[in-house]
């Protein structure tokens, strides 16, 4: 299954780009395995993908990670009590960084929270990622 994971960066890079998008590419190349925070449990499984949607300054999908385990609950984080471990795909993230998928190209133009990628959008995402 494929999931859309929304990142709402608060800062921008010089030239108006997303510093979060640049940091995500850097992490894909140097430390790709990470925990992703979830506000509620999702039916994710190993092998599923997280497509990372950057909500600002340009609304686009520019990274992808593969889920390693099912989500697990953590204590001490009431706003985001769930975590899932996933590894950024270095090559696919690099391709998406250079050729991101604009949100307006997807059928779900108003994603809310972590949501499933619609079947009609998956081909476009896979093509841009080179998968």
N, C-alpha and C. Protein backbone atom coordinates (compact mmCIF):
# COMPACT_ATOMS: atom_id res chain seq x y z
N UNK A 1 0.85 -1.17 0.00
CA UNK A 1 0.00 0.00 0.00
C UNK A 1 0.90 1.24 0.00
N UNK A 2 0.39 2.29 -0.56
CA UNK A 2 1.13 3.55 -0.66
C UNK A 2 0.40 4.63 0.13
N UNK A 3 1.17 5.43 0.88
CA UNK A 3 0.64 6.44 1.77
C UNK A 3 1.22 7.80 1.46
N UNK A 4 0.42 8.83 1.62
CA UNK A 4 0.88 10.21 1.48
C UNK A 4 1.14 10.74 2.88
N UNK A 5 2.37 11.18 3.13
CA UNK A 5 2.78 11.68 4.43
C UNK A 5 3.07 13.17 4.28
N UNK A 6 2.37 14.00 5.02
CA UNK A 6 2.48 15.45 4.86
C UNK A 6 3.52 16.03 5.81
N UNK A 7 4.43 16.83 5.25
CA UNK A 7 5.41 17.59 6.02
C UNK A 7 5.07 19.06 5.83
N UNK A 8 4.94 19.76 6.95
CA UNK A 8 4.61 21.19 6.89
C UNK A 8 5.81 22.00 7.37
N UNK A 9 6.78 22.23 6.49
CA UNK A 9 7.98 22.96 6.91
C UNK A 9 7.67 24.41 7.24
N UNK A 10 8.34 24.91 8.26
CA UNK A 10 8.14 26.30 8.68
C UNK A 10 9.16 27.24 8.06
N UNK A 11 10.19 26.68 7.47
CA UNK A 11 11.26 27.52 6.94
C UNK A 11 11.47 27.28 5.45
N UNK A 12 12.10 28.24 4.80
CA UNK A 12 12.40 28.11 3.38
C UNK A 12 13.89 28.28 3.17
N UNK A 13 14.36 27.73 2.09
CA UNK A 13 15.77 27.83 1.74
C UNK A 13 15.98 29.09 0.90
N UNK A 14 17.24 29.53 0.77
CA UNK A 14 17.51 30.66 -0.12
C UNK A 14 16.94 30.37 -1.51
N UNK A 15 16.36 31.36 -2.12
CA UNK A 15 15.75 31.19 -3.44
C UNK A 15 14.31 30.72 -3.36
N UNK A 16 13.76 30.59 -2.15
CA UNK A 16 12.35 30.25 -2.00
C UNK A 16 12.03 28.77 -1.98
N UNK A 17 13.03 27.91 -2.03
CA UNK A 17 12.78 26.47 -1.98
C UNK A 17 12.55 26.01 -0.55
N UNK A 18 12.31 24.74 -0.40
CA UNK A 18 12.05 24.18 0.93
C UNK A 18 13.34 23.64 1.53
N UNK A 19 13.75 24.19 2.66
CA UNK A 19 14.92 23.65 3.32
C UNK A 19 14.62 22.24 3.85
N UNK A 20 13.35 21.99 4.20
CA UNK A 20 12.96 20.65 4.65
C UNK A 20 13.15 19.64 3.51
N UNK A 21 12.80 20.02 2.32
CA UNK A 21 12.99 19.14 1.15
C UNK A 21 14.47 18.86 0.94
N UNK A 22 15.30 19.89 1.09
CA UNK A 22 16.75 19.71 0.95
C UNK A 22 17.30 18.82 2.06
N UNK A 23 16.81 19.02 3.29
CA UNK A 23 17.26 18.18 4.41
C UNK A 23 16.84 16.73 4.20
N UNK A 24 15.65 16.51 3.67
CA UNK A 24 15.16 15.15 3.42
C UNK A 24 16.07 14.45 2.41
N UNK A 25 16.49 15.15 1.38
CA UNK A 25 17.41 14.57 0.40
C UNK A 25 18.74 14.24 1.07
N UNK A 26 19.23 15.13 1.90
CA UNK A 26 20.48 14.89 2.61
C UNK A 26 20.35 13.67 3.52
N UNK A 27 19.22 13.54 4.22
CA UNK A 27 19.00 12.37 5.07
C UNK A 27 18.93 11.09 4.23
N UNK A 28 18.32 11.16 3.07
CA UNK A 28 18.23 9.98 2.20
C UNK A 28 19.62 9.49 1.82
N UNK A 29 20.56 10.40 1.73
CA UNK A 29 21.92 10.03 1.32
C UNK A 29 22.82 9.69 2.49
N UNK A 30 22.53 10.20 3.70
CA UNK A 30 23.44 10.00 4.82
C UNK A 30 22.87 9.15 5.95
N UNK A 31 21.59 9.29 6.26
CA UNK A 31 20.95 8.55 7.36
C UNK A 31 19.50 8.28 6.98
N UNK A 32 19.29 7.36 6.05
CA UNK A 32 17.94 7.19 5.48
C UNK A 32 16.90 6.53 6.39
N UNK A 33 17.34 5.76 7.36
CA UNK A 33 16.39 5.06 8.24
C UNK A 33 15.97 5.99 9.36
N UNK A 34 14.65 6.15 9.54
CA UNK A 34 14.17 7.07 10.57
C UNK A 34 12.78 6.67 11.05
N UNK A 35 12.40 7.26 12.16
CA UNK A 35 11.05 7.10 12.69
C UNK A 35 10.20 8.25 12.18
N UNK A 36 9.00 7.93 11.76
CA UNK A 36 8.05 8.92 11.28
C UNK A 36 6.91 8.99 12.30
N UNK A 37 6.50 10.18 12.66
CA UNK A 37 5.46 10.38 13.68
C UNK A 37 4.07 10.37 13.04
N UNK A 38 3.14 9.72 13.74
CA UNK A 38 1.75 9.63 13.28
C UNK A 38 0.83 10.09 14.40
N UNK A 39 -0.22 10.80 14.06
CA UNK A 39 -1.17 11.25 15.07
C UNK A 39 -2.14 10.13 15.47
N UNK A 40 -2.30 9.15 14.59
CA UNK A 40 -3.13 8.00 14.95
C UNK A 40 -2.65 6.77 14.18
N UNK A 41 -3.10 5.61 14.65
CA UNK A 41 -2.67 4.36 14.06
C UNK A 41 -3.17 4.24 12.63
N UNK A 42 -2.34 3.70 11.77
CA UNK A 42 -2.68 3.42 10.38
C UNK A 42 -2.39 1.95 10.10
N UNK A 43 -3.09 1.38 9.16
CA UNK A 43 -2.92 -0.04 8.80
C UNK A 43 -1.74 -0.18 7.83
N UNK A 44 -0.56 0.22 8.28
CA UNK A 44 0.65 0.14 7.46
C UNK A 44 1.33 -1.20 7.70
N UNK A 45 2.08 -1.65 6.69
CA UNK A 45 2.77 -2.94 6.80
C UNK A 45 4.15 -2.82 6.15
N UNK A 46 5.07 -3.70 6.53
CA UNK A 46 6.38 -3.70 5.89
C UNK A 46 6.24 -3.79 4.37
N UNK A 47 7.02 -2.97 3.68
CA UNK A 47 6.98 -2.94 2.22
C UNK A 47 6.08 -1.85 1.66
N UNK A 48 5.20 -1.30 2.49
CA UNK A 48 4.39 -0.14 2.06
C UNK A 48 5.33 1.03 1.82
N UNK A 49 4.86 2.02 1.09
CA UNK A 49 5.67 3.21 0.83
C UNK A 49 5.01 4.45 1.43
N UNK A 50 5.87 5.38 1.89
CA UNK A 50 5.44 6.71 2.31
C UNK A 50 5.91 7.69 1.25
N UNK A 51 4.98 8.37 0.61
CA UNK A 51 5.31 9.42 -0.35
C UNK A 51 5.25 10.74 0.42
N UNK A 52 6.34 11.47 0.46
CA UNK A 52 6.45 12.65 1.31
C UNK A 52 6.03 13.90 0.54
N UNK A 53 4.93 14.48 1.04
CA UNK A 53 4.34 15.68 0.46
C UNK A 53 4.77 16.88 1.29
N UNK A 54 5.48 17.82 0.67
CA UNK A 54 5.92 19.05 1.33
C UNK A 54 4.85 20.11 1.08
N UNK A 55 4.22 20.56 2.15
CA UNK A 55 3.09 21.48 2.03
C UNK A 55 3.49 22.94 1.82
N UNK A 56 4.77 23.27 1.97
CA UNK A 56 5.21 24.65 1.78
C UNK A 56 6.69 24.65 1.42
N UNK A 57 7.23 25.60 0.75
CA UNK A 57 6.54 26.72 0.12
C UNK A 57 5.85 26.34 -1.19
N UNK A 58 6.29 25.22 -1.80
CA UNK A 58 5.64 24.72 -3.01
C UNK A 58 5.02 23.37 -2.65
N UNK A 59 3.79 23.17 -2.98
CA UNK A 59 3.07 21.94 -2.62
C UNK A 59 3.42 20.84 -3.62
N UNK A 60 4.29 19.90 -3.14
CA UNK A 60 4.79 18.86 -4.05
C UNK A 60 5.24 17.63 -3.27
N UNK A 61 5.26 16.50 -3.98
CA UNK A 61 5.77 15.25 -3.43
C UNK A 61 7.21 15.14 -3.92
N UNK A 62 8.15 15.05 -2.96
CA UNK A 62 9.56 15.11 -3.35
C UNK A 62 10.44 14.11 -2.62
N UNK A 63 9.87 13.07 -2.01
CA UNK A 63 10.66 12.02 -1.36
C UNK A 63 9.78 10.79 -1.20
N UNK A 64 10.43 9.64 -1.03
CA UNK A 64 9.70 8.39 -0.80
C UNK A 64 10.52 7.49 0.11
N UNK A 65 9.82 6.79 1.01
CA UNK A 65 10.46 5.87 1.95
C UNK A 65 9.70 4.56 1.97
N UNK A 66 10.40 3.49 2.32
CA UNK A 66 9.76 2.18 2.45
C UNK A 66 9.58 1.84 3.93
N UNK A 67 8.38 1.45 4.28
CA UNK A 67 8.05 1.11 5.66
C UNK A 67 8.68 -0.23 6.02
N UNK A 68 9.29 -0.29 7.22
CA UNK A 68 9.96 -1.50 7.68
C UNK A 68 9.10 -2.36 8.60
N UNK A 69 8.30 -1.71 9.45
CA UNK A 69 7.51 -2.42 10.46
C UNK A 69 6.13 -1.79 10.57
N UNK A 70 5.24 -2.47 11.27
CA UNK A 70 3.93 -1.89 11.55
C UNK A 70 4.09 -0.73 12.53
N UNK A 71 3.16 0.24 12.51
CA UNK A 71 3.23 1.34 13.47
C UNK A 71 3.16 0.82 14.91
N UNK A 72 3.82 1.54 15.82
CA UNK A 72 3.82 1.18 17.23
C UNK A 72 3.55 2.43 18.06
N UNK A 73 2.97 2.21 19.21
CA UNK A 73 2.58 3.31 20.08
C UNK A 73 3.75 3.68 21.00
N UNK A 74 3.89 4.98 21.27
CA UNK A 74 4.91 5.48 22.19
C UNK A 74 4.22 6.33 23.27
N UNK A 75 4.83 6.42 24.40
CA UNK A 75 4.27 7.24 25.47
C UNK A 75 4.97 8.59 25.49
N UNK A 76 4.29 9.57 26.06
CA UNK A 76 4.89 10.89 26.22
C UNK A 76 4.72 11.82 25.05
N UNK A 77 3.98 11.44 24.04
CA UNK A 77 3.76 12.29 22.88
C UNK A 77 2.27 12.27 22.54
N UNK A 78 1.44 13.03 23.28
CA UNK A 78 -0.01 12.94 23.08
C UNK A 78 -0.49 13.38 21.71
N UNK A 79 0.20 14.31 21.06
CA UNK A 79 -0.25 14.77 19.73
C UNK A 79 0.12 13.78 18.63
N UNK A 80 1.22 13.04 18.82
CA UNK A 80 1.66 12.07 17.83
C UNK A 80 2.11 10.79 18.55
N UNK A 81 1.15 10.02 19.06
CA UNK A 81 1.49 8.86 19.89
C UNK A 81 1.93 7.62 19.12
N UNK A 82 1.98 7.68 17.81
CA UNK A 82 2.35 6.52 17.00
C UNK A 82 3.61 6.82 16.19
N UNK A 83 4.40 5.79 15.96
CA UNK A 83 5.60 5.91 15.14
C UNK A 83 5.62 4.74 14.16
N UNK A 84 6.30 4.98 13.05
CA UNK A 84 6.54 3.90 12.09
C UNK A 84 7.97 4.10 11.58
N UNK A 85 8.70 3.01 11.46
CA UNK A 85 10.07 3.08 10.96
C UNK A 85 10.04 2.86 9.46
N UNK A 86 10.71 3.76 8.75
CA UNK A 86 10.79 3.66 7.29
C UNK A 86 12.15 4.18 6.83
N UNK A 87 12.59 3.69 5.69
CA UNK A 87 13.88 4.09 5.13
C UNK A 87 13.67 4.82 3.82
N UNK A 88 14.24 6.01 3.76
CA UNK A 88 14.16 6.80 2.53
C UNK A 88 14.89 6.08 1.41
N UNK A 89 14.29 6.03 0.24
CA UNK A 89 14.91 5.46 -0.94
C UNK A 89 15.77 6.56 -1.57
N UNK A 90 17.09 6.39 -1.45
CA UNK A 90 18.02 7.43 -1.88
C UNK A 90 17.85 7.81 -3.36
N UNK A 91 17.85 6.82 -4.24
CA UNK A 91 17.78 7.11 -5.67
C UNK A 91 16.43 7.70 -6.06
N UNK A 92 15.34 7.12 -5.55
CA UNK A 92 14.01 7.62 -5.88
C UNK A 92 13.80 9.02 -5.29
N UNK A 93 14.30 9.26 -4.09
CA UNK A 93 14.17 10.59 -3.49
C UNK A 93 14.98 11.61 -4.27
N UNK A 94 16.14 11.22 -4.73
CA UNK A 94 16.95 12.13 -5.55
C UNK A 94 16.19 12.50 -6.84
N UNK A 95 15.56 11.50 -7.47
CA UNK A 95 14.81 11.78 -8.70
C UNK A 95 13.61 12.70 -8.41
N UNK A 96 12.89 12.40 -7.31
CA UNK A 96 11.75 13.24 -6.94
C UNK A 96 12.18 14.65 -6.54
N UNK A 97 13.33 14.77 -5.93
CA UNK A 97 13.84 16.09 -5.56
C UNK A 97 14.06 16.93 -6.81
N UNK A 98 14.60 16.30 -7.86
CA UNK A 98 14.85 17.00 -9.12
C UNK A 98 13.59 17.20 -9.95
N UNK A 99 12.64 16.27 -9.83
CA UNK A 99 11.43 16.30 -10.63
C UNK A 99 10.22 15.96 -9.74
N UNK A 100 9.89 16.86 -8.80
CA UNK A 100 8.80 16.57 -7.87
C UNK A 100 7.45 16.50 -8.56
N UNK A 101 6.51 15.85 -7.90
CA UNK A 101 5.14 15.77 -8.40
C UNK A 101 4.34 16.89 -7.74
N UNK A 102 3.87 17.86 -8.53
CA UNK A 102 3.08 18.94 -7.92
C UNK A 102 1.73 18.42 -7.45
N UNK A 103 1.28 18.96 -6.33
CA UNK A 103 0.02 18.49 -5.75
C UNK A 103 -1.13 18.63 -6.75
N UNK A 104 -1.12 19.68 -7.55
CA UNK A 104 -2.23 19.89 -8.49
C UNK A 104 -2.32 18.81 -9.56
N UNK A 105 -1.26 17.99 -9.70
CA UNK A 105 -1.29 16.90 -10.68
C UNK A 105 -1.98 15.65 -10.13
N UNK A 106 -2.25 15.62 -8.83
CA UNK A 106 -2.88 14.46 -8.21
C UNK A 106 -4.39 14.64 -8.14
N UNK A 107 -5.10 13.52 -8.05
CA UNK A 107 -6.55 13.62 -7.90
C UNK A 107 -6.93 14.08 -6.49
N UNK A 108 -6.10 13.76 -5.49
CA UNK A 108 -6.33 14.23 -4.12
C UNK A 108 -5.55 15.53 -3.93
N UNK A 109 -6.20 16.63 -4.20
CA UNK A 109 -5.53 17.93 -4.13
C UNK A 109 -5.61 18.57 -2.75
N UNK A 110 -6.32 17.92 -1.84
CA UNK A 110 -6.48 18.46 -0.49
C UNK A 110 -6.28 17.36 0.55
N UNK A 111 -5.06 16.78 0.59
CA UNK A 111 -4.84 15.69 1.55
C UNK A 111 -4.93 16.20 2.99
N UNK A 112 -5.48 15.39 3.86
CA UNK A 112 -5.60 15.70 5.28
C UNK A 112 -4.93 14.57 6.05
N UNK A 113 -3.93 14.91 6.81
CA UNK A 113 -3.23 13.90 7.60
C UNK A 113 -2.54 12.88 6.71
N UNK A 114 -2.24 11.73 7.27
CA UNK A 114 -1.63 10.64 6.50
C UNK A 114 -2.77 9.89 5.84
N UNK A 115 -2.72 9.77 4.54
CA UNK A 115 -3.81 9.16 3.79
C UNK A 115 -3.25 8.22 2.72
N UNK A 116 -4.07 7.32 2.26
CA UNK A 116 -3.65 6.41 1.19
C UNK A 116 -3.52 7.16 -0.13
N UNK A 117 -2.55 6.74 -0.93
CA UNK A 117 -2.40 7.29 -2.27
C UNK A 117 -3.47 6.65 -3.13
N UNK A 118 -4.16 7.44 -3.89
CA UNK A 118 -5.20 6.91 -4.79
C UNK A 118 -4.55 6.14 -5.93
N UNK A 119 -5.19 5.06 -6.33
CA UNK A 119 -4.67 4.24 -7.43
C UNK A 119 -4.41 5.06 -8.68
N UNK A 120 -5.25 6.04 -8.94
CA UNK A 120 -5.10 6.86 -10.14
C UNK A 120 -3.86 7.76 -10.09
N UNK A 121 -3.28 7.96 -8.91
CA UNK A 121 -2.10 8.81 -8.76
C UNK A 121 -0.80 8.02 -8.69
N UNK A 122 -0.89 6.74 -8.40
CA UNK A 122 0.31 5.94 -8.15
C UNK A 122 1.25 5.89 -9.35
N UNK A 123 0.72 5.72 -10.55
CA UNK A 123 1.56 5.64 -11.74
C UNK A 123 2.42 6.89 -11.93
N UNK A 124 1.83 8.05 -11.71
CA UNK A 124 2.57 9.31 -11.83
C UNK A 124 3.70 9.38 -10.80
N UNK A 125 3.41 9.00 -9.57
CA UNK A 125 4.44 9.02 -8.52
C UNK A 125 5.57 8.05 -8.84
N UNK A 126 5.21 6.83 -9.24
CA UNK A 126 6.23 5.84 -9.59
C UNK A 126 7.09 6.31 -10.75
N UNK A 127 6.47 6.93 -11.72
CA UNK A 127 7.21 7.43 -12.88
C UNK A 127 8.22 8.50 -12.47
N UNK A 128 7.80 9.47 -11.69
CA UNK A 128 8.71 10.54 -11.26
C UNK A 128 9.85 9.99 -10.38
N UNK A 129 9.55 8.94 -9.61
CA UNK A 129 10.56 8.36 -8.72
C UNK A 129 11.45 7.35 -9.43
N UNK A 130 11.09 6.97 -10.65
CA UNK A 130 11.86 5.98 -11.39
C UNK A 130 11.72 4.58 -10.83
N UNK A 131 10.56 4.29 -10.24
CA UNK A 131 10.31 2.96 -9.66
C UNK A 131 9.42 2.11 -10.56
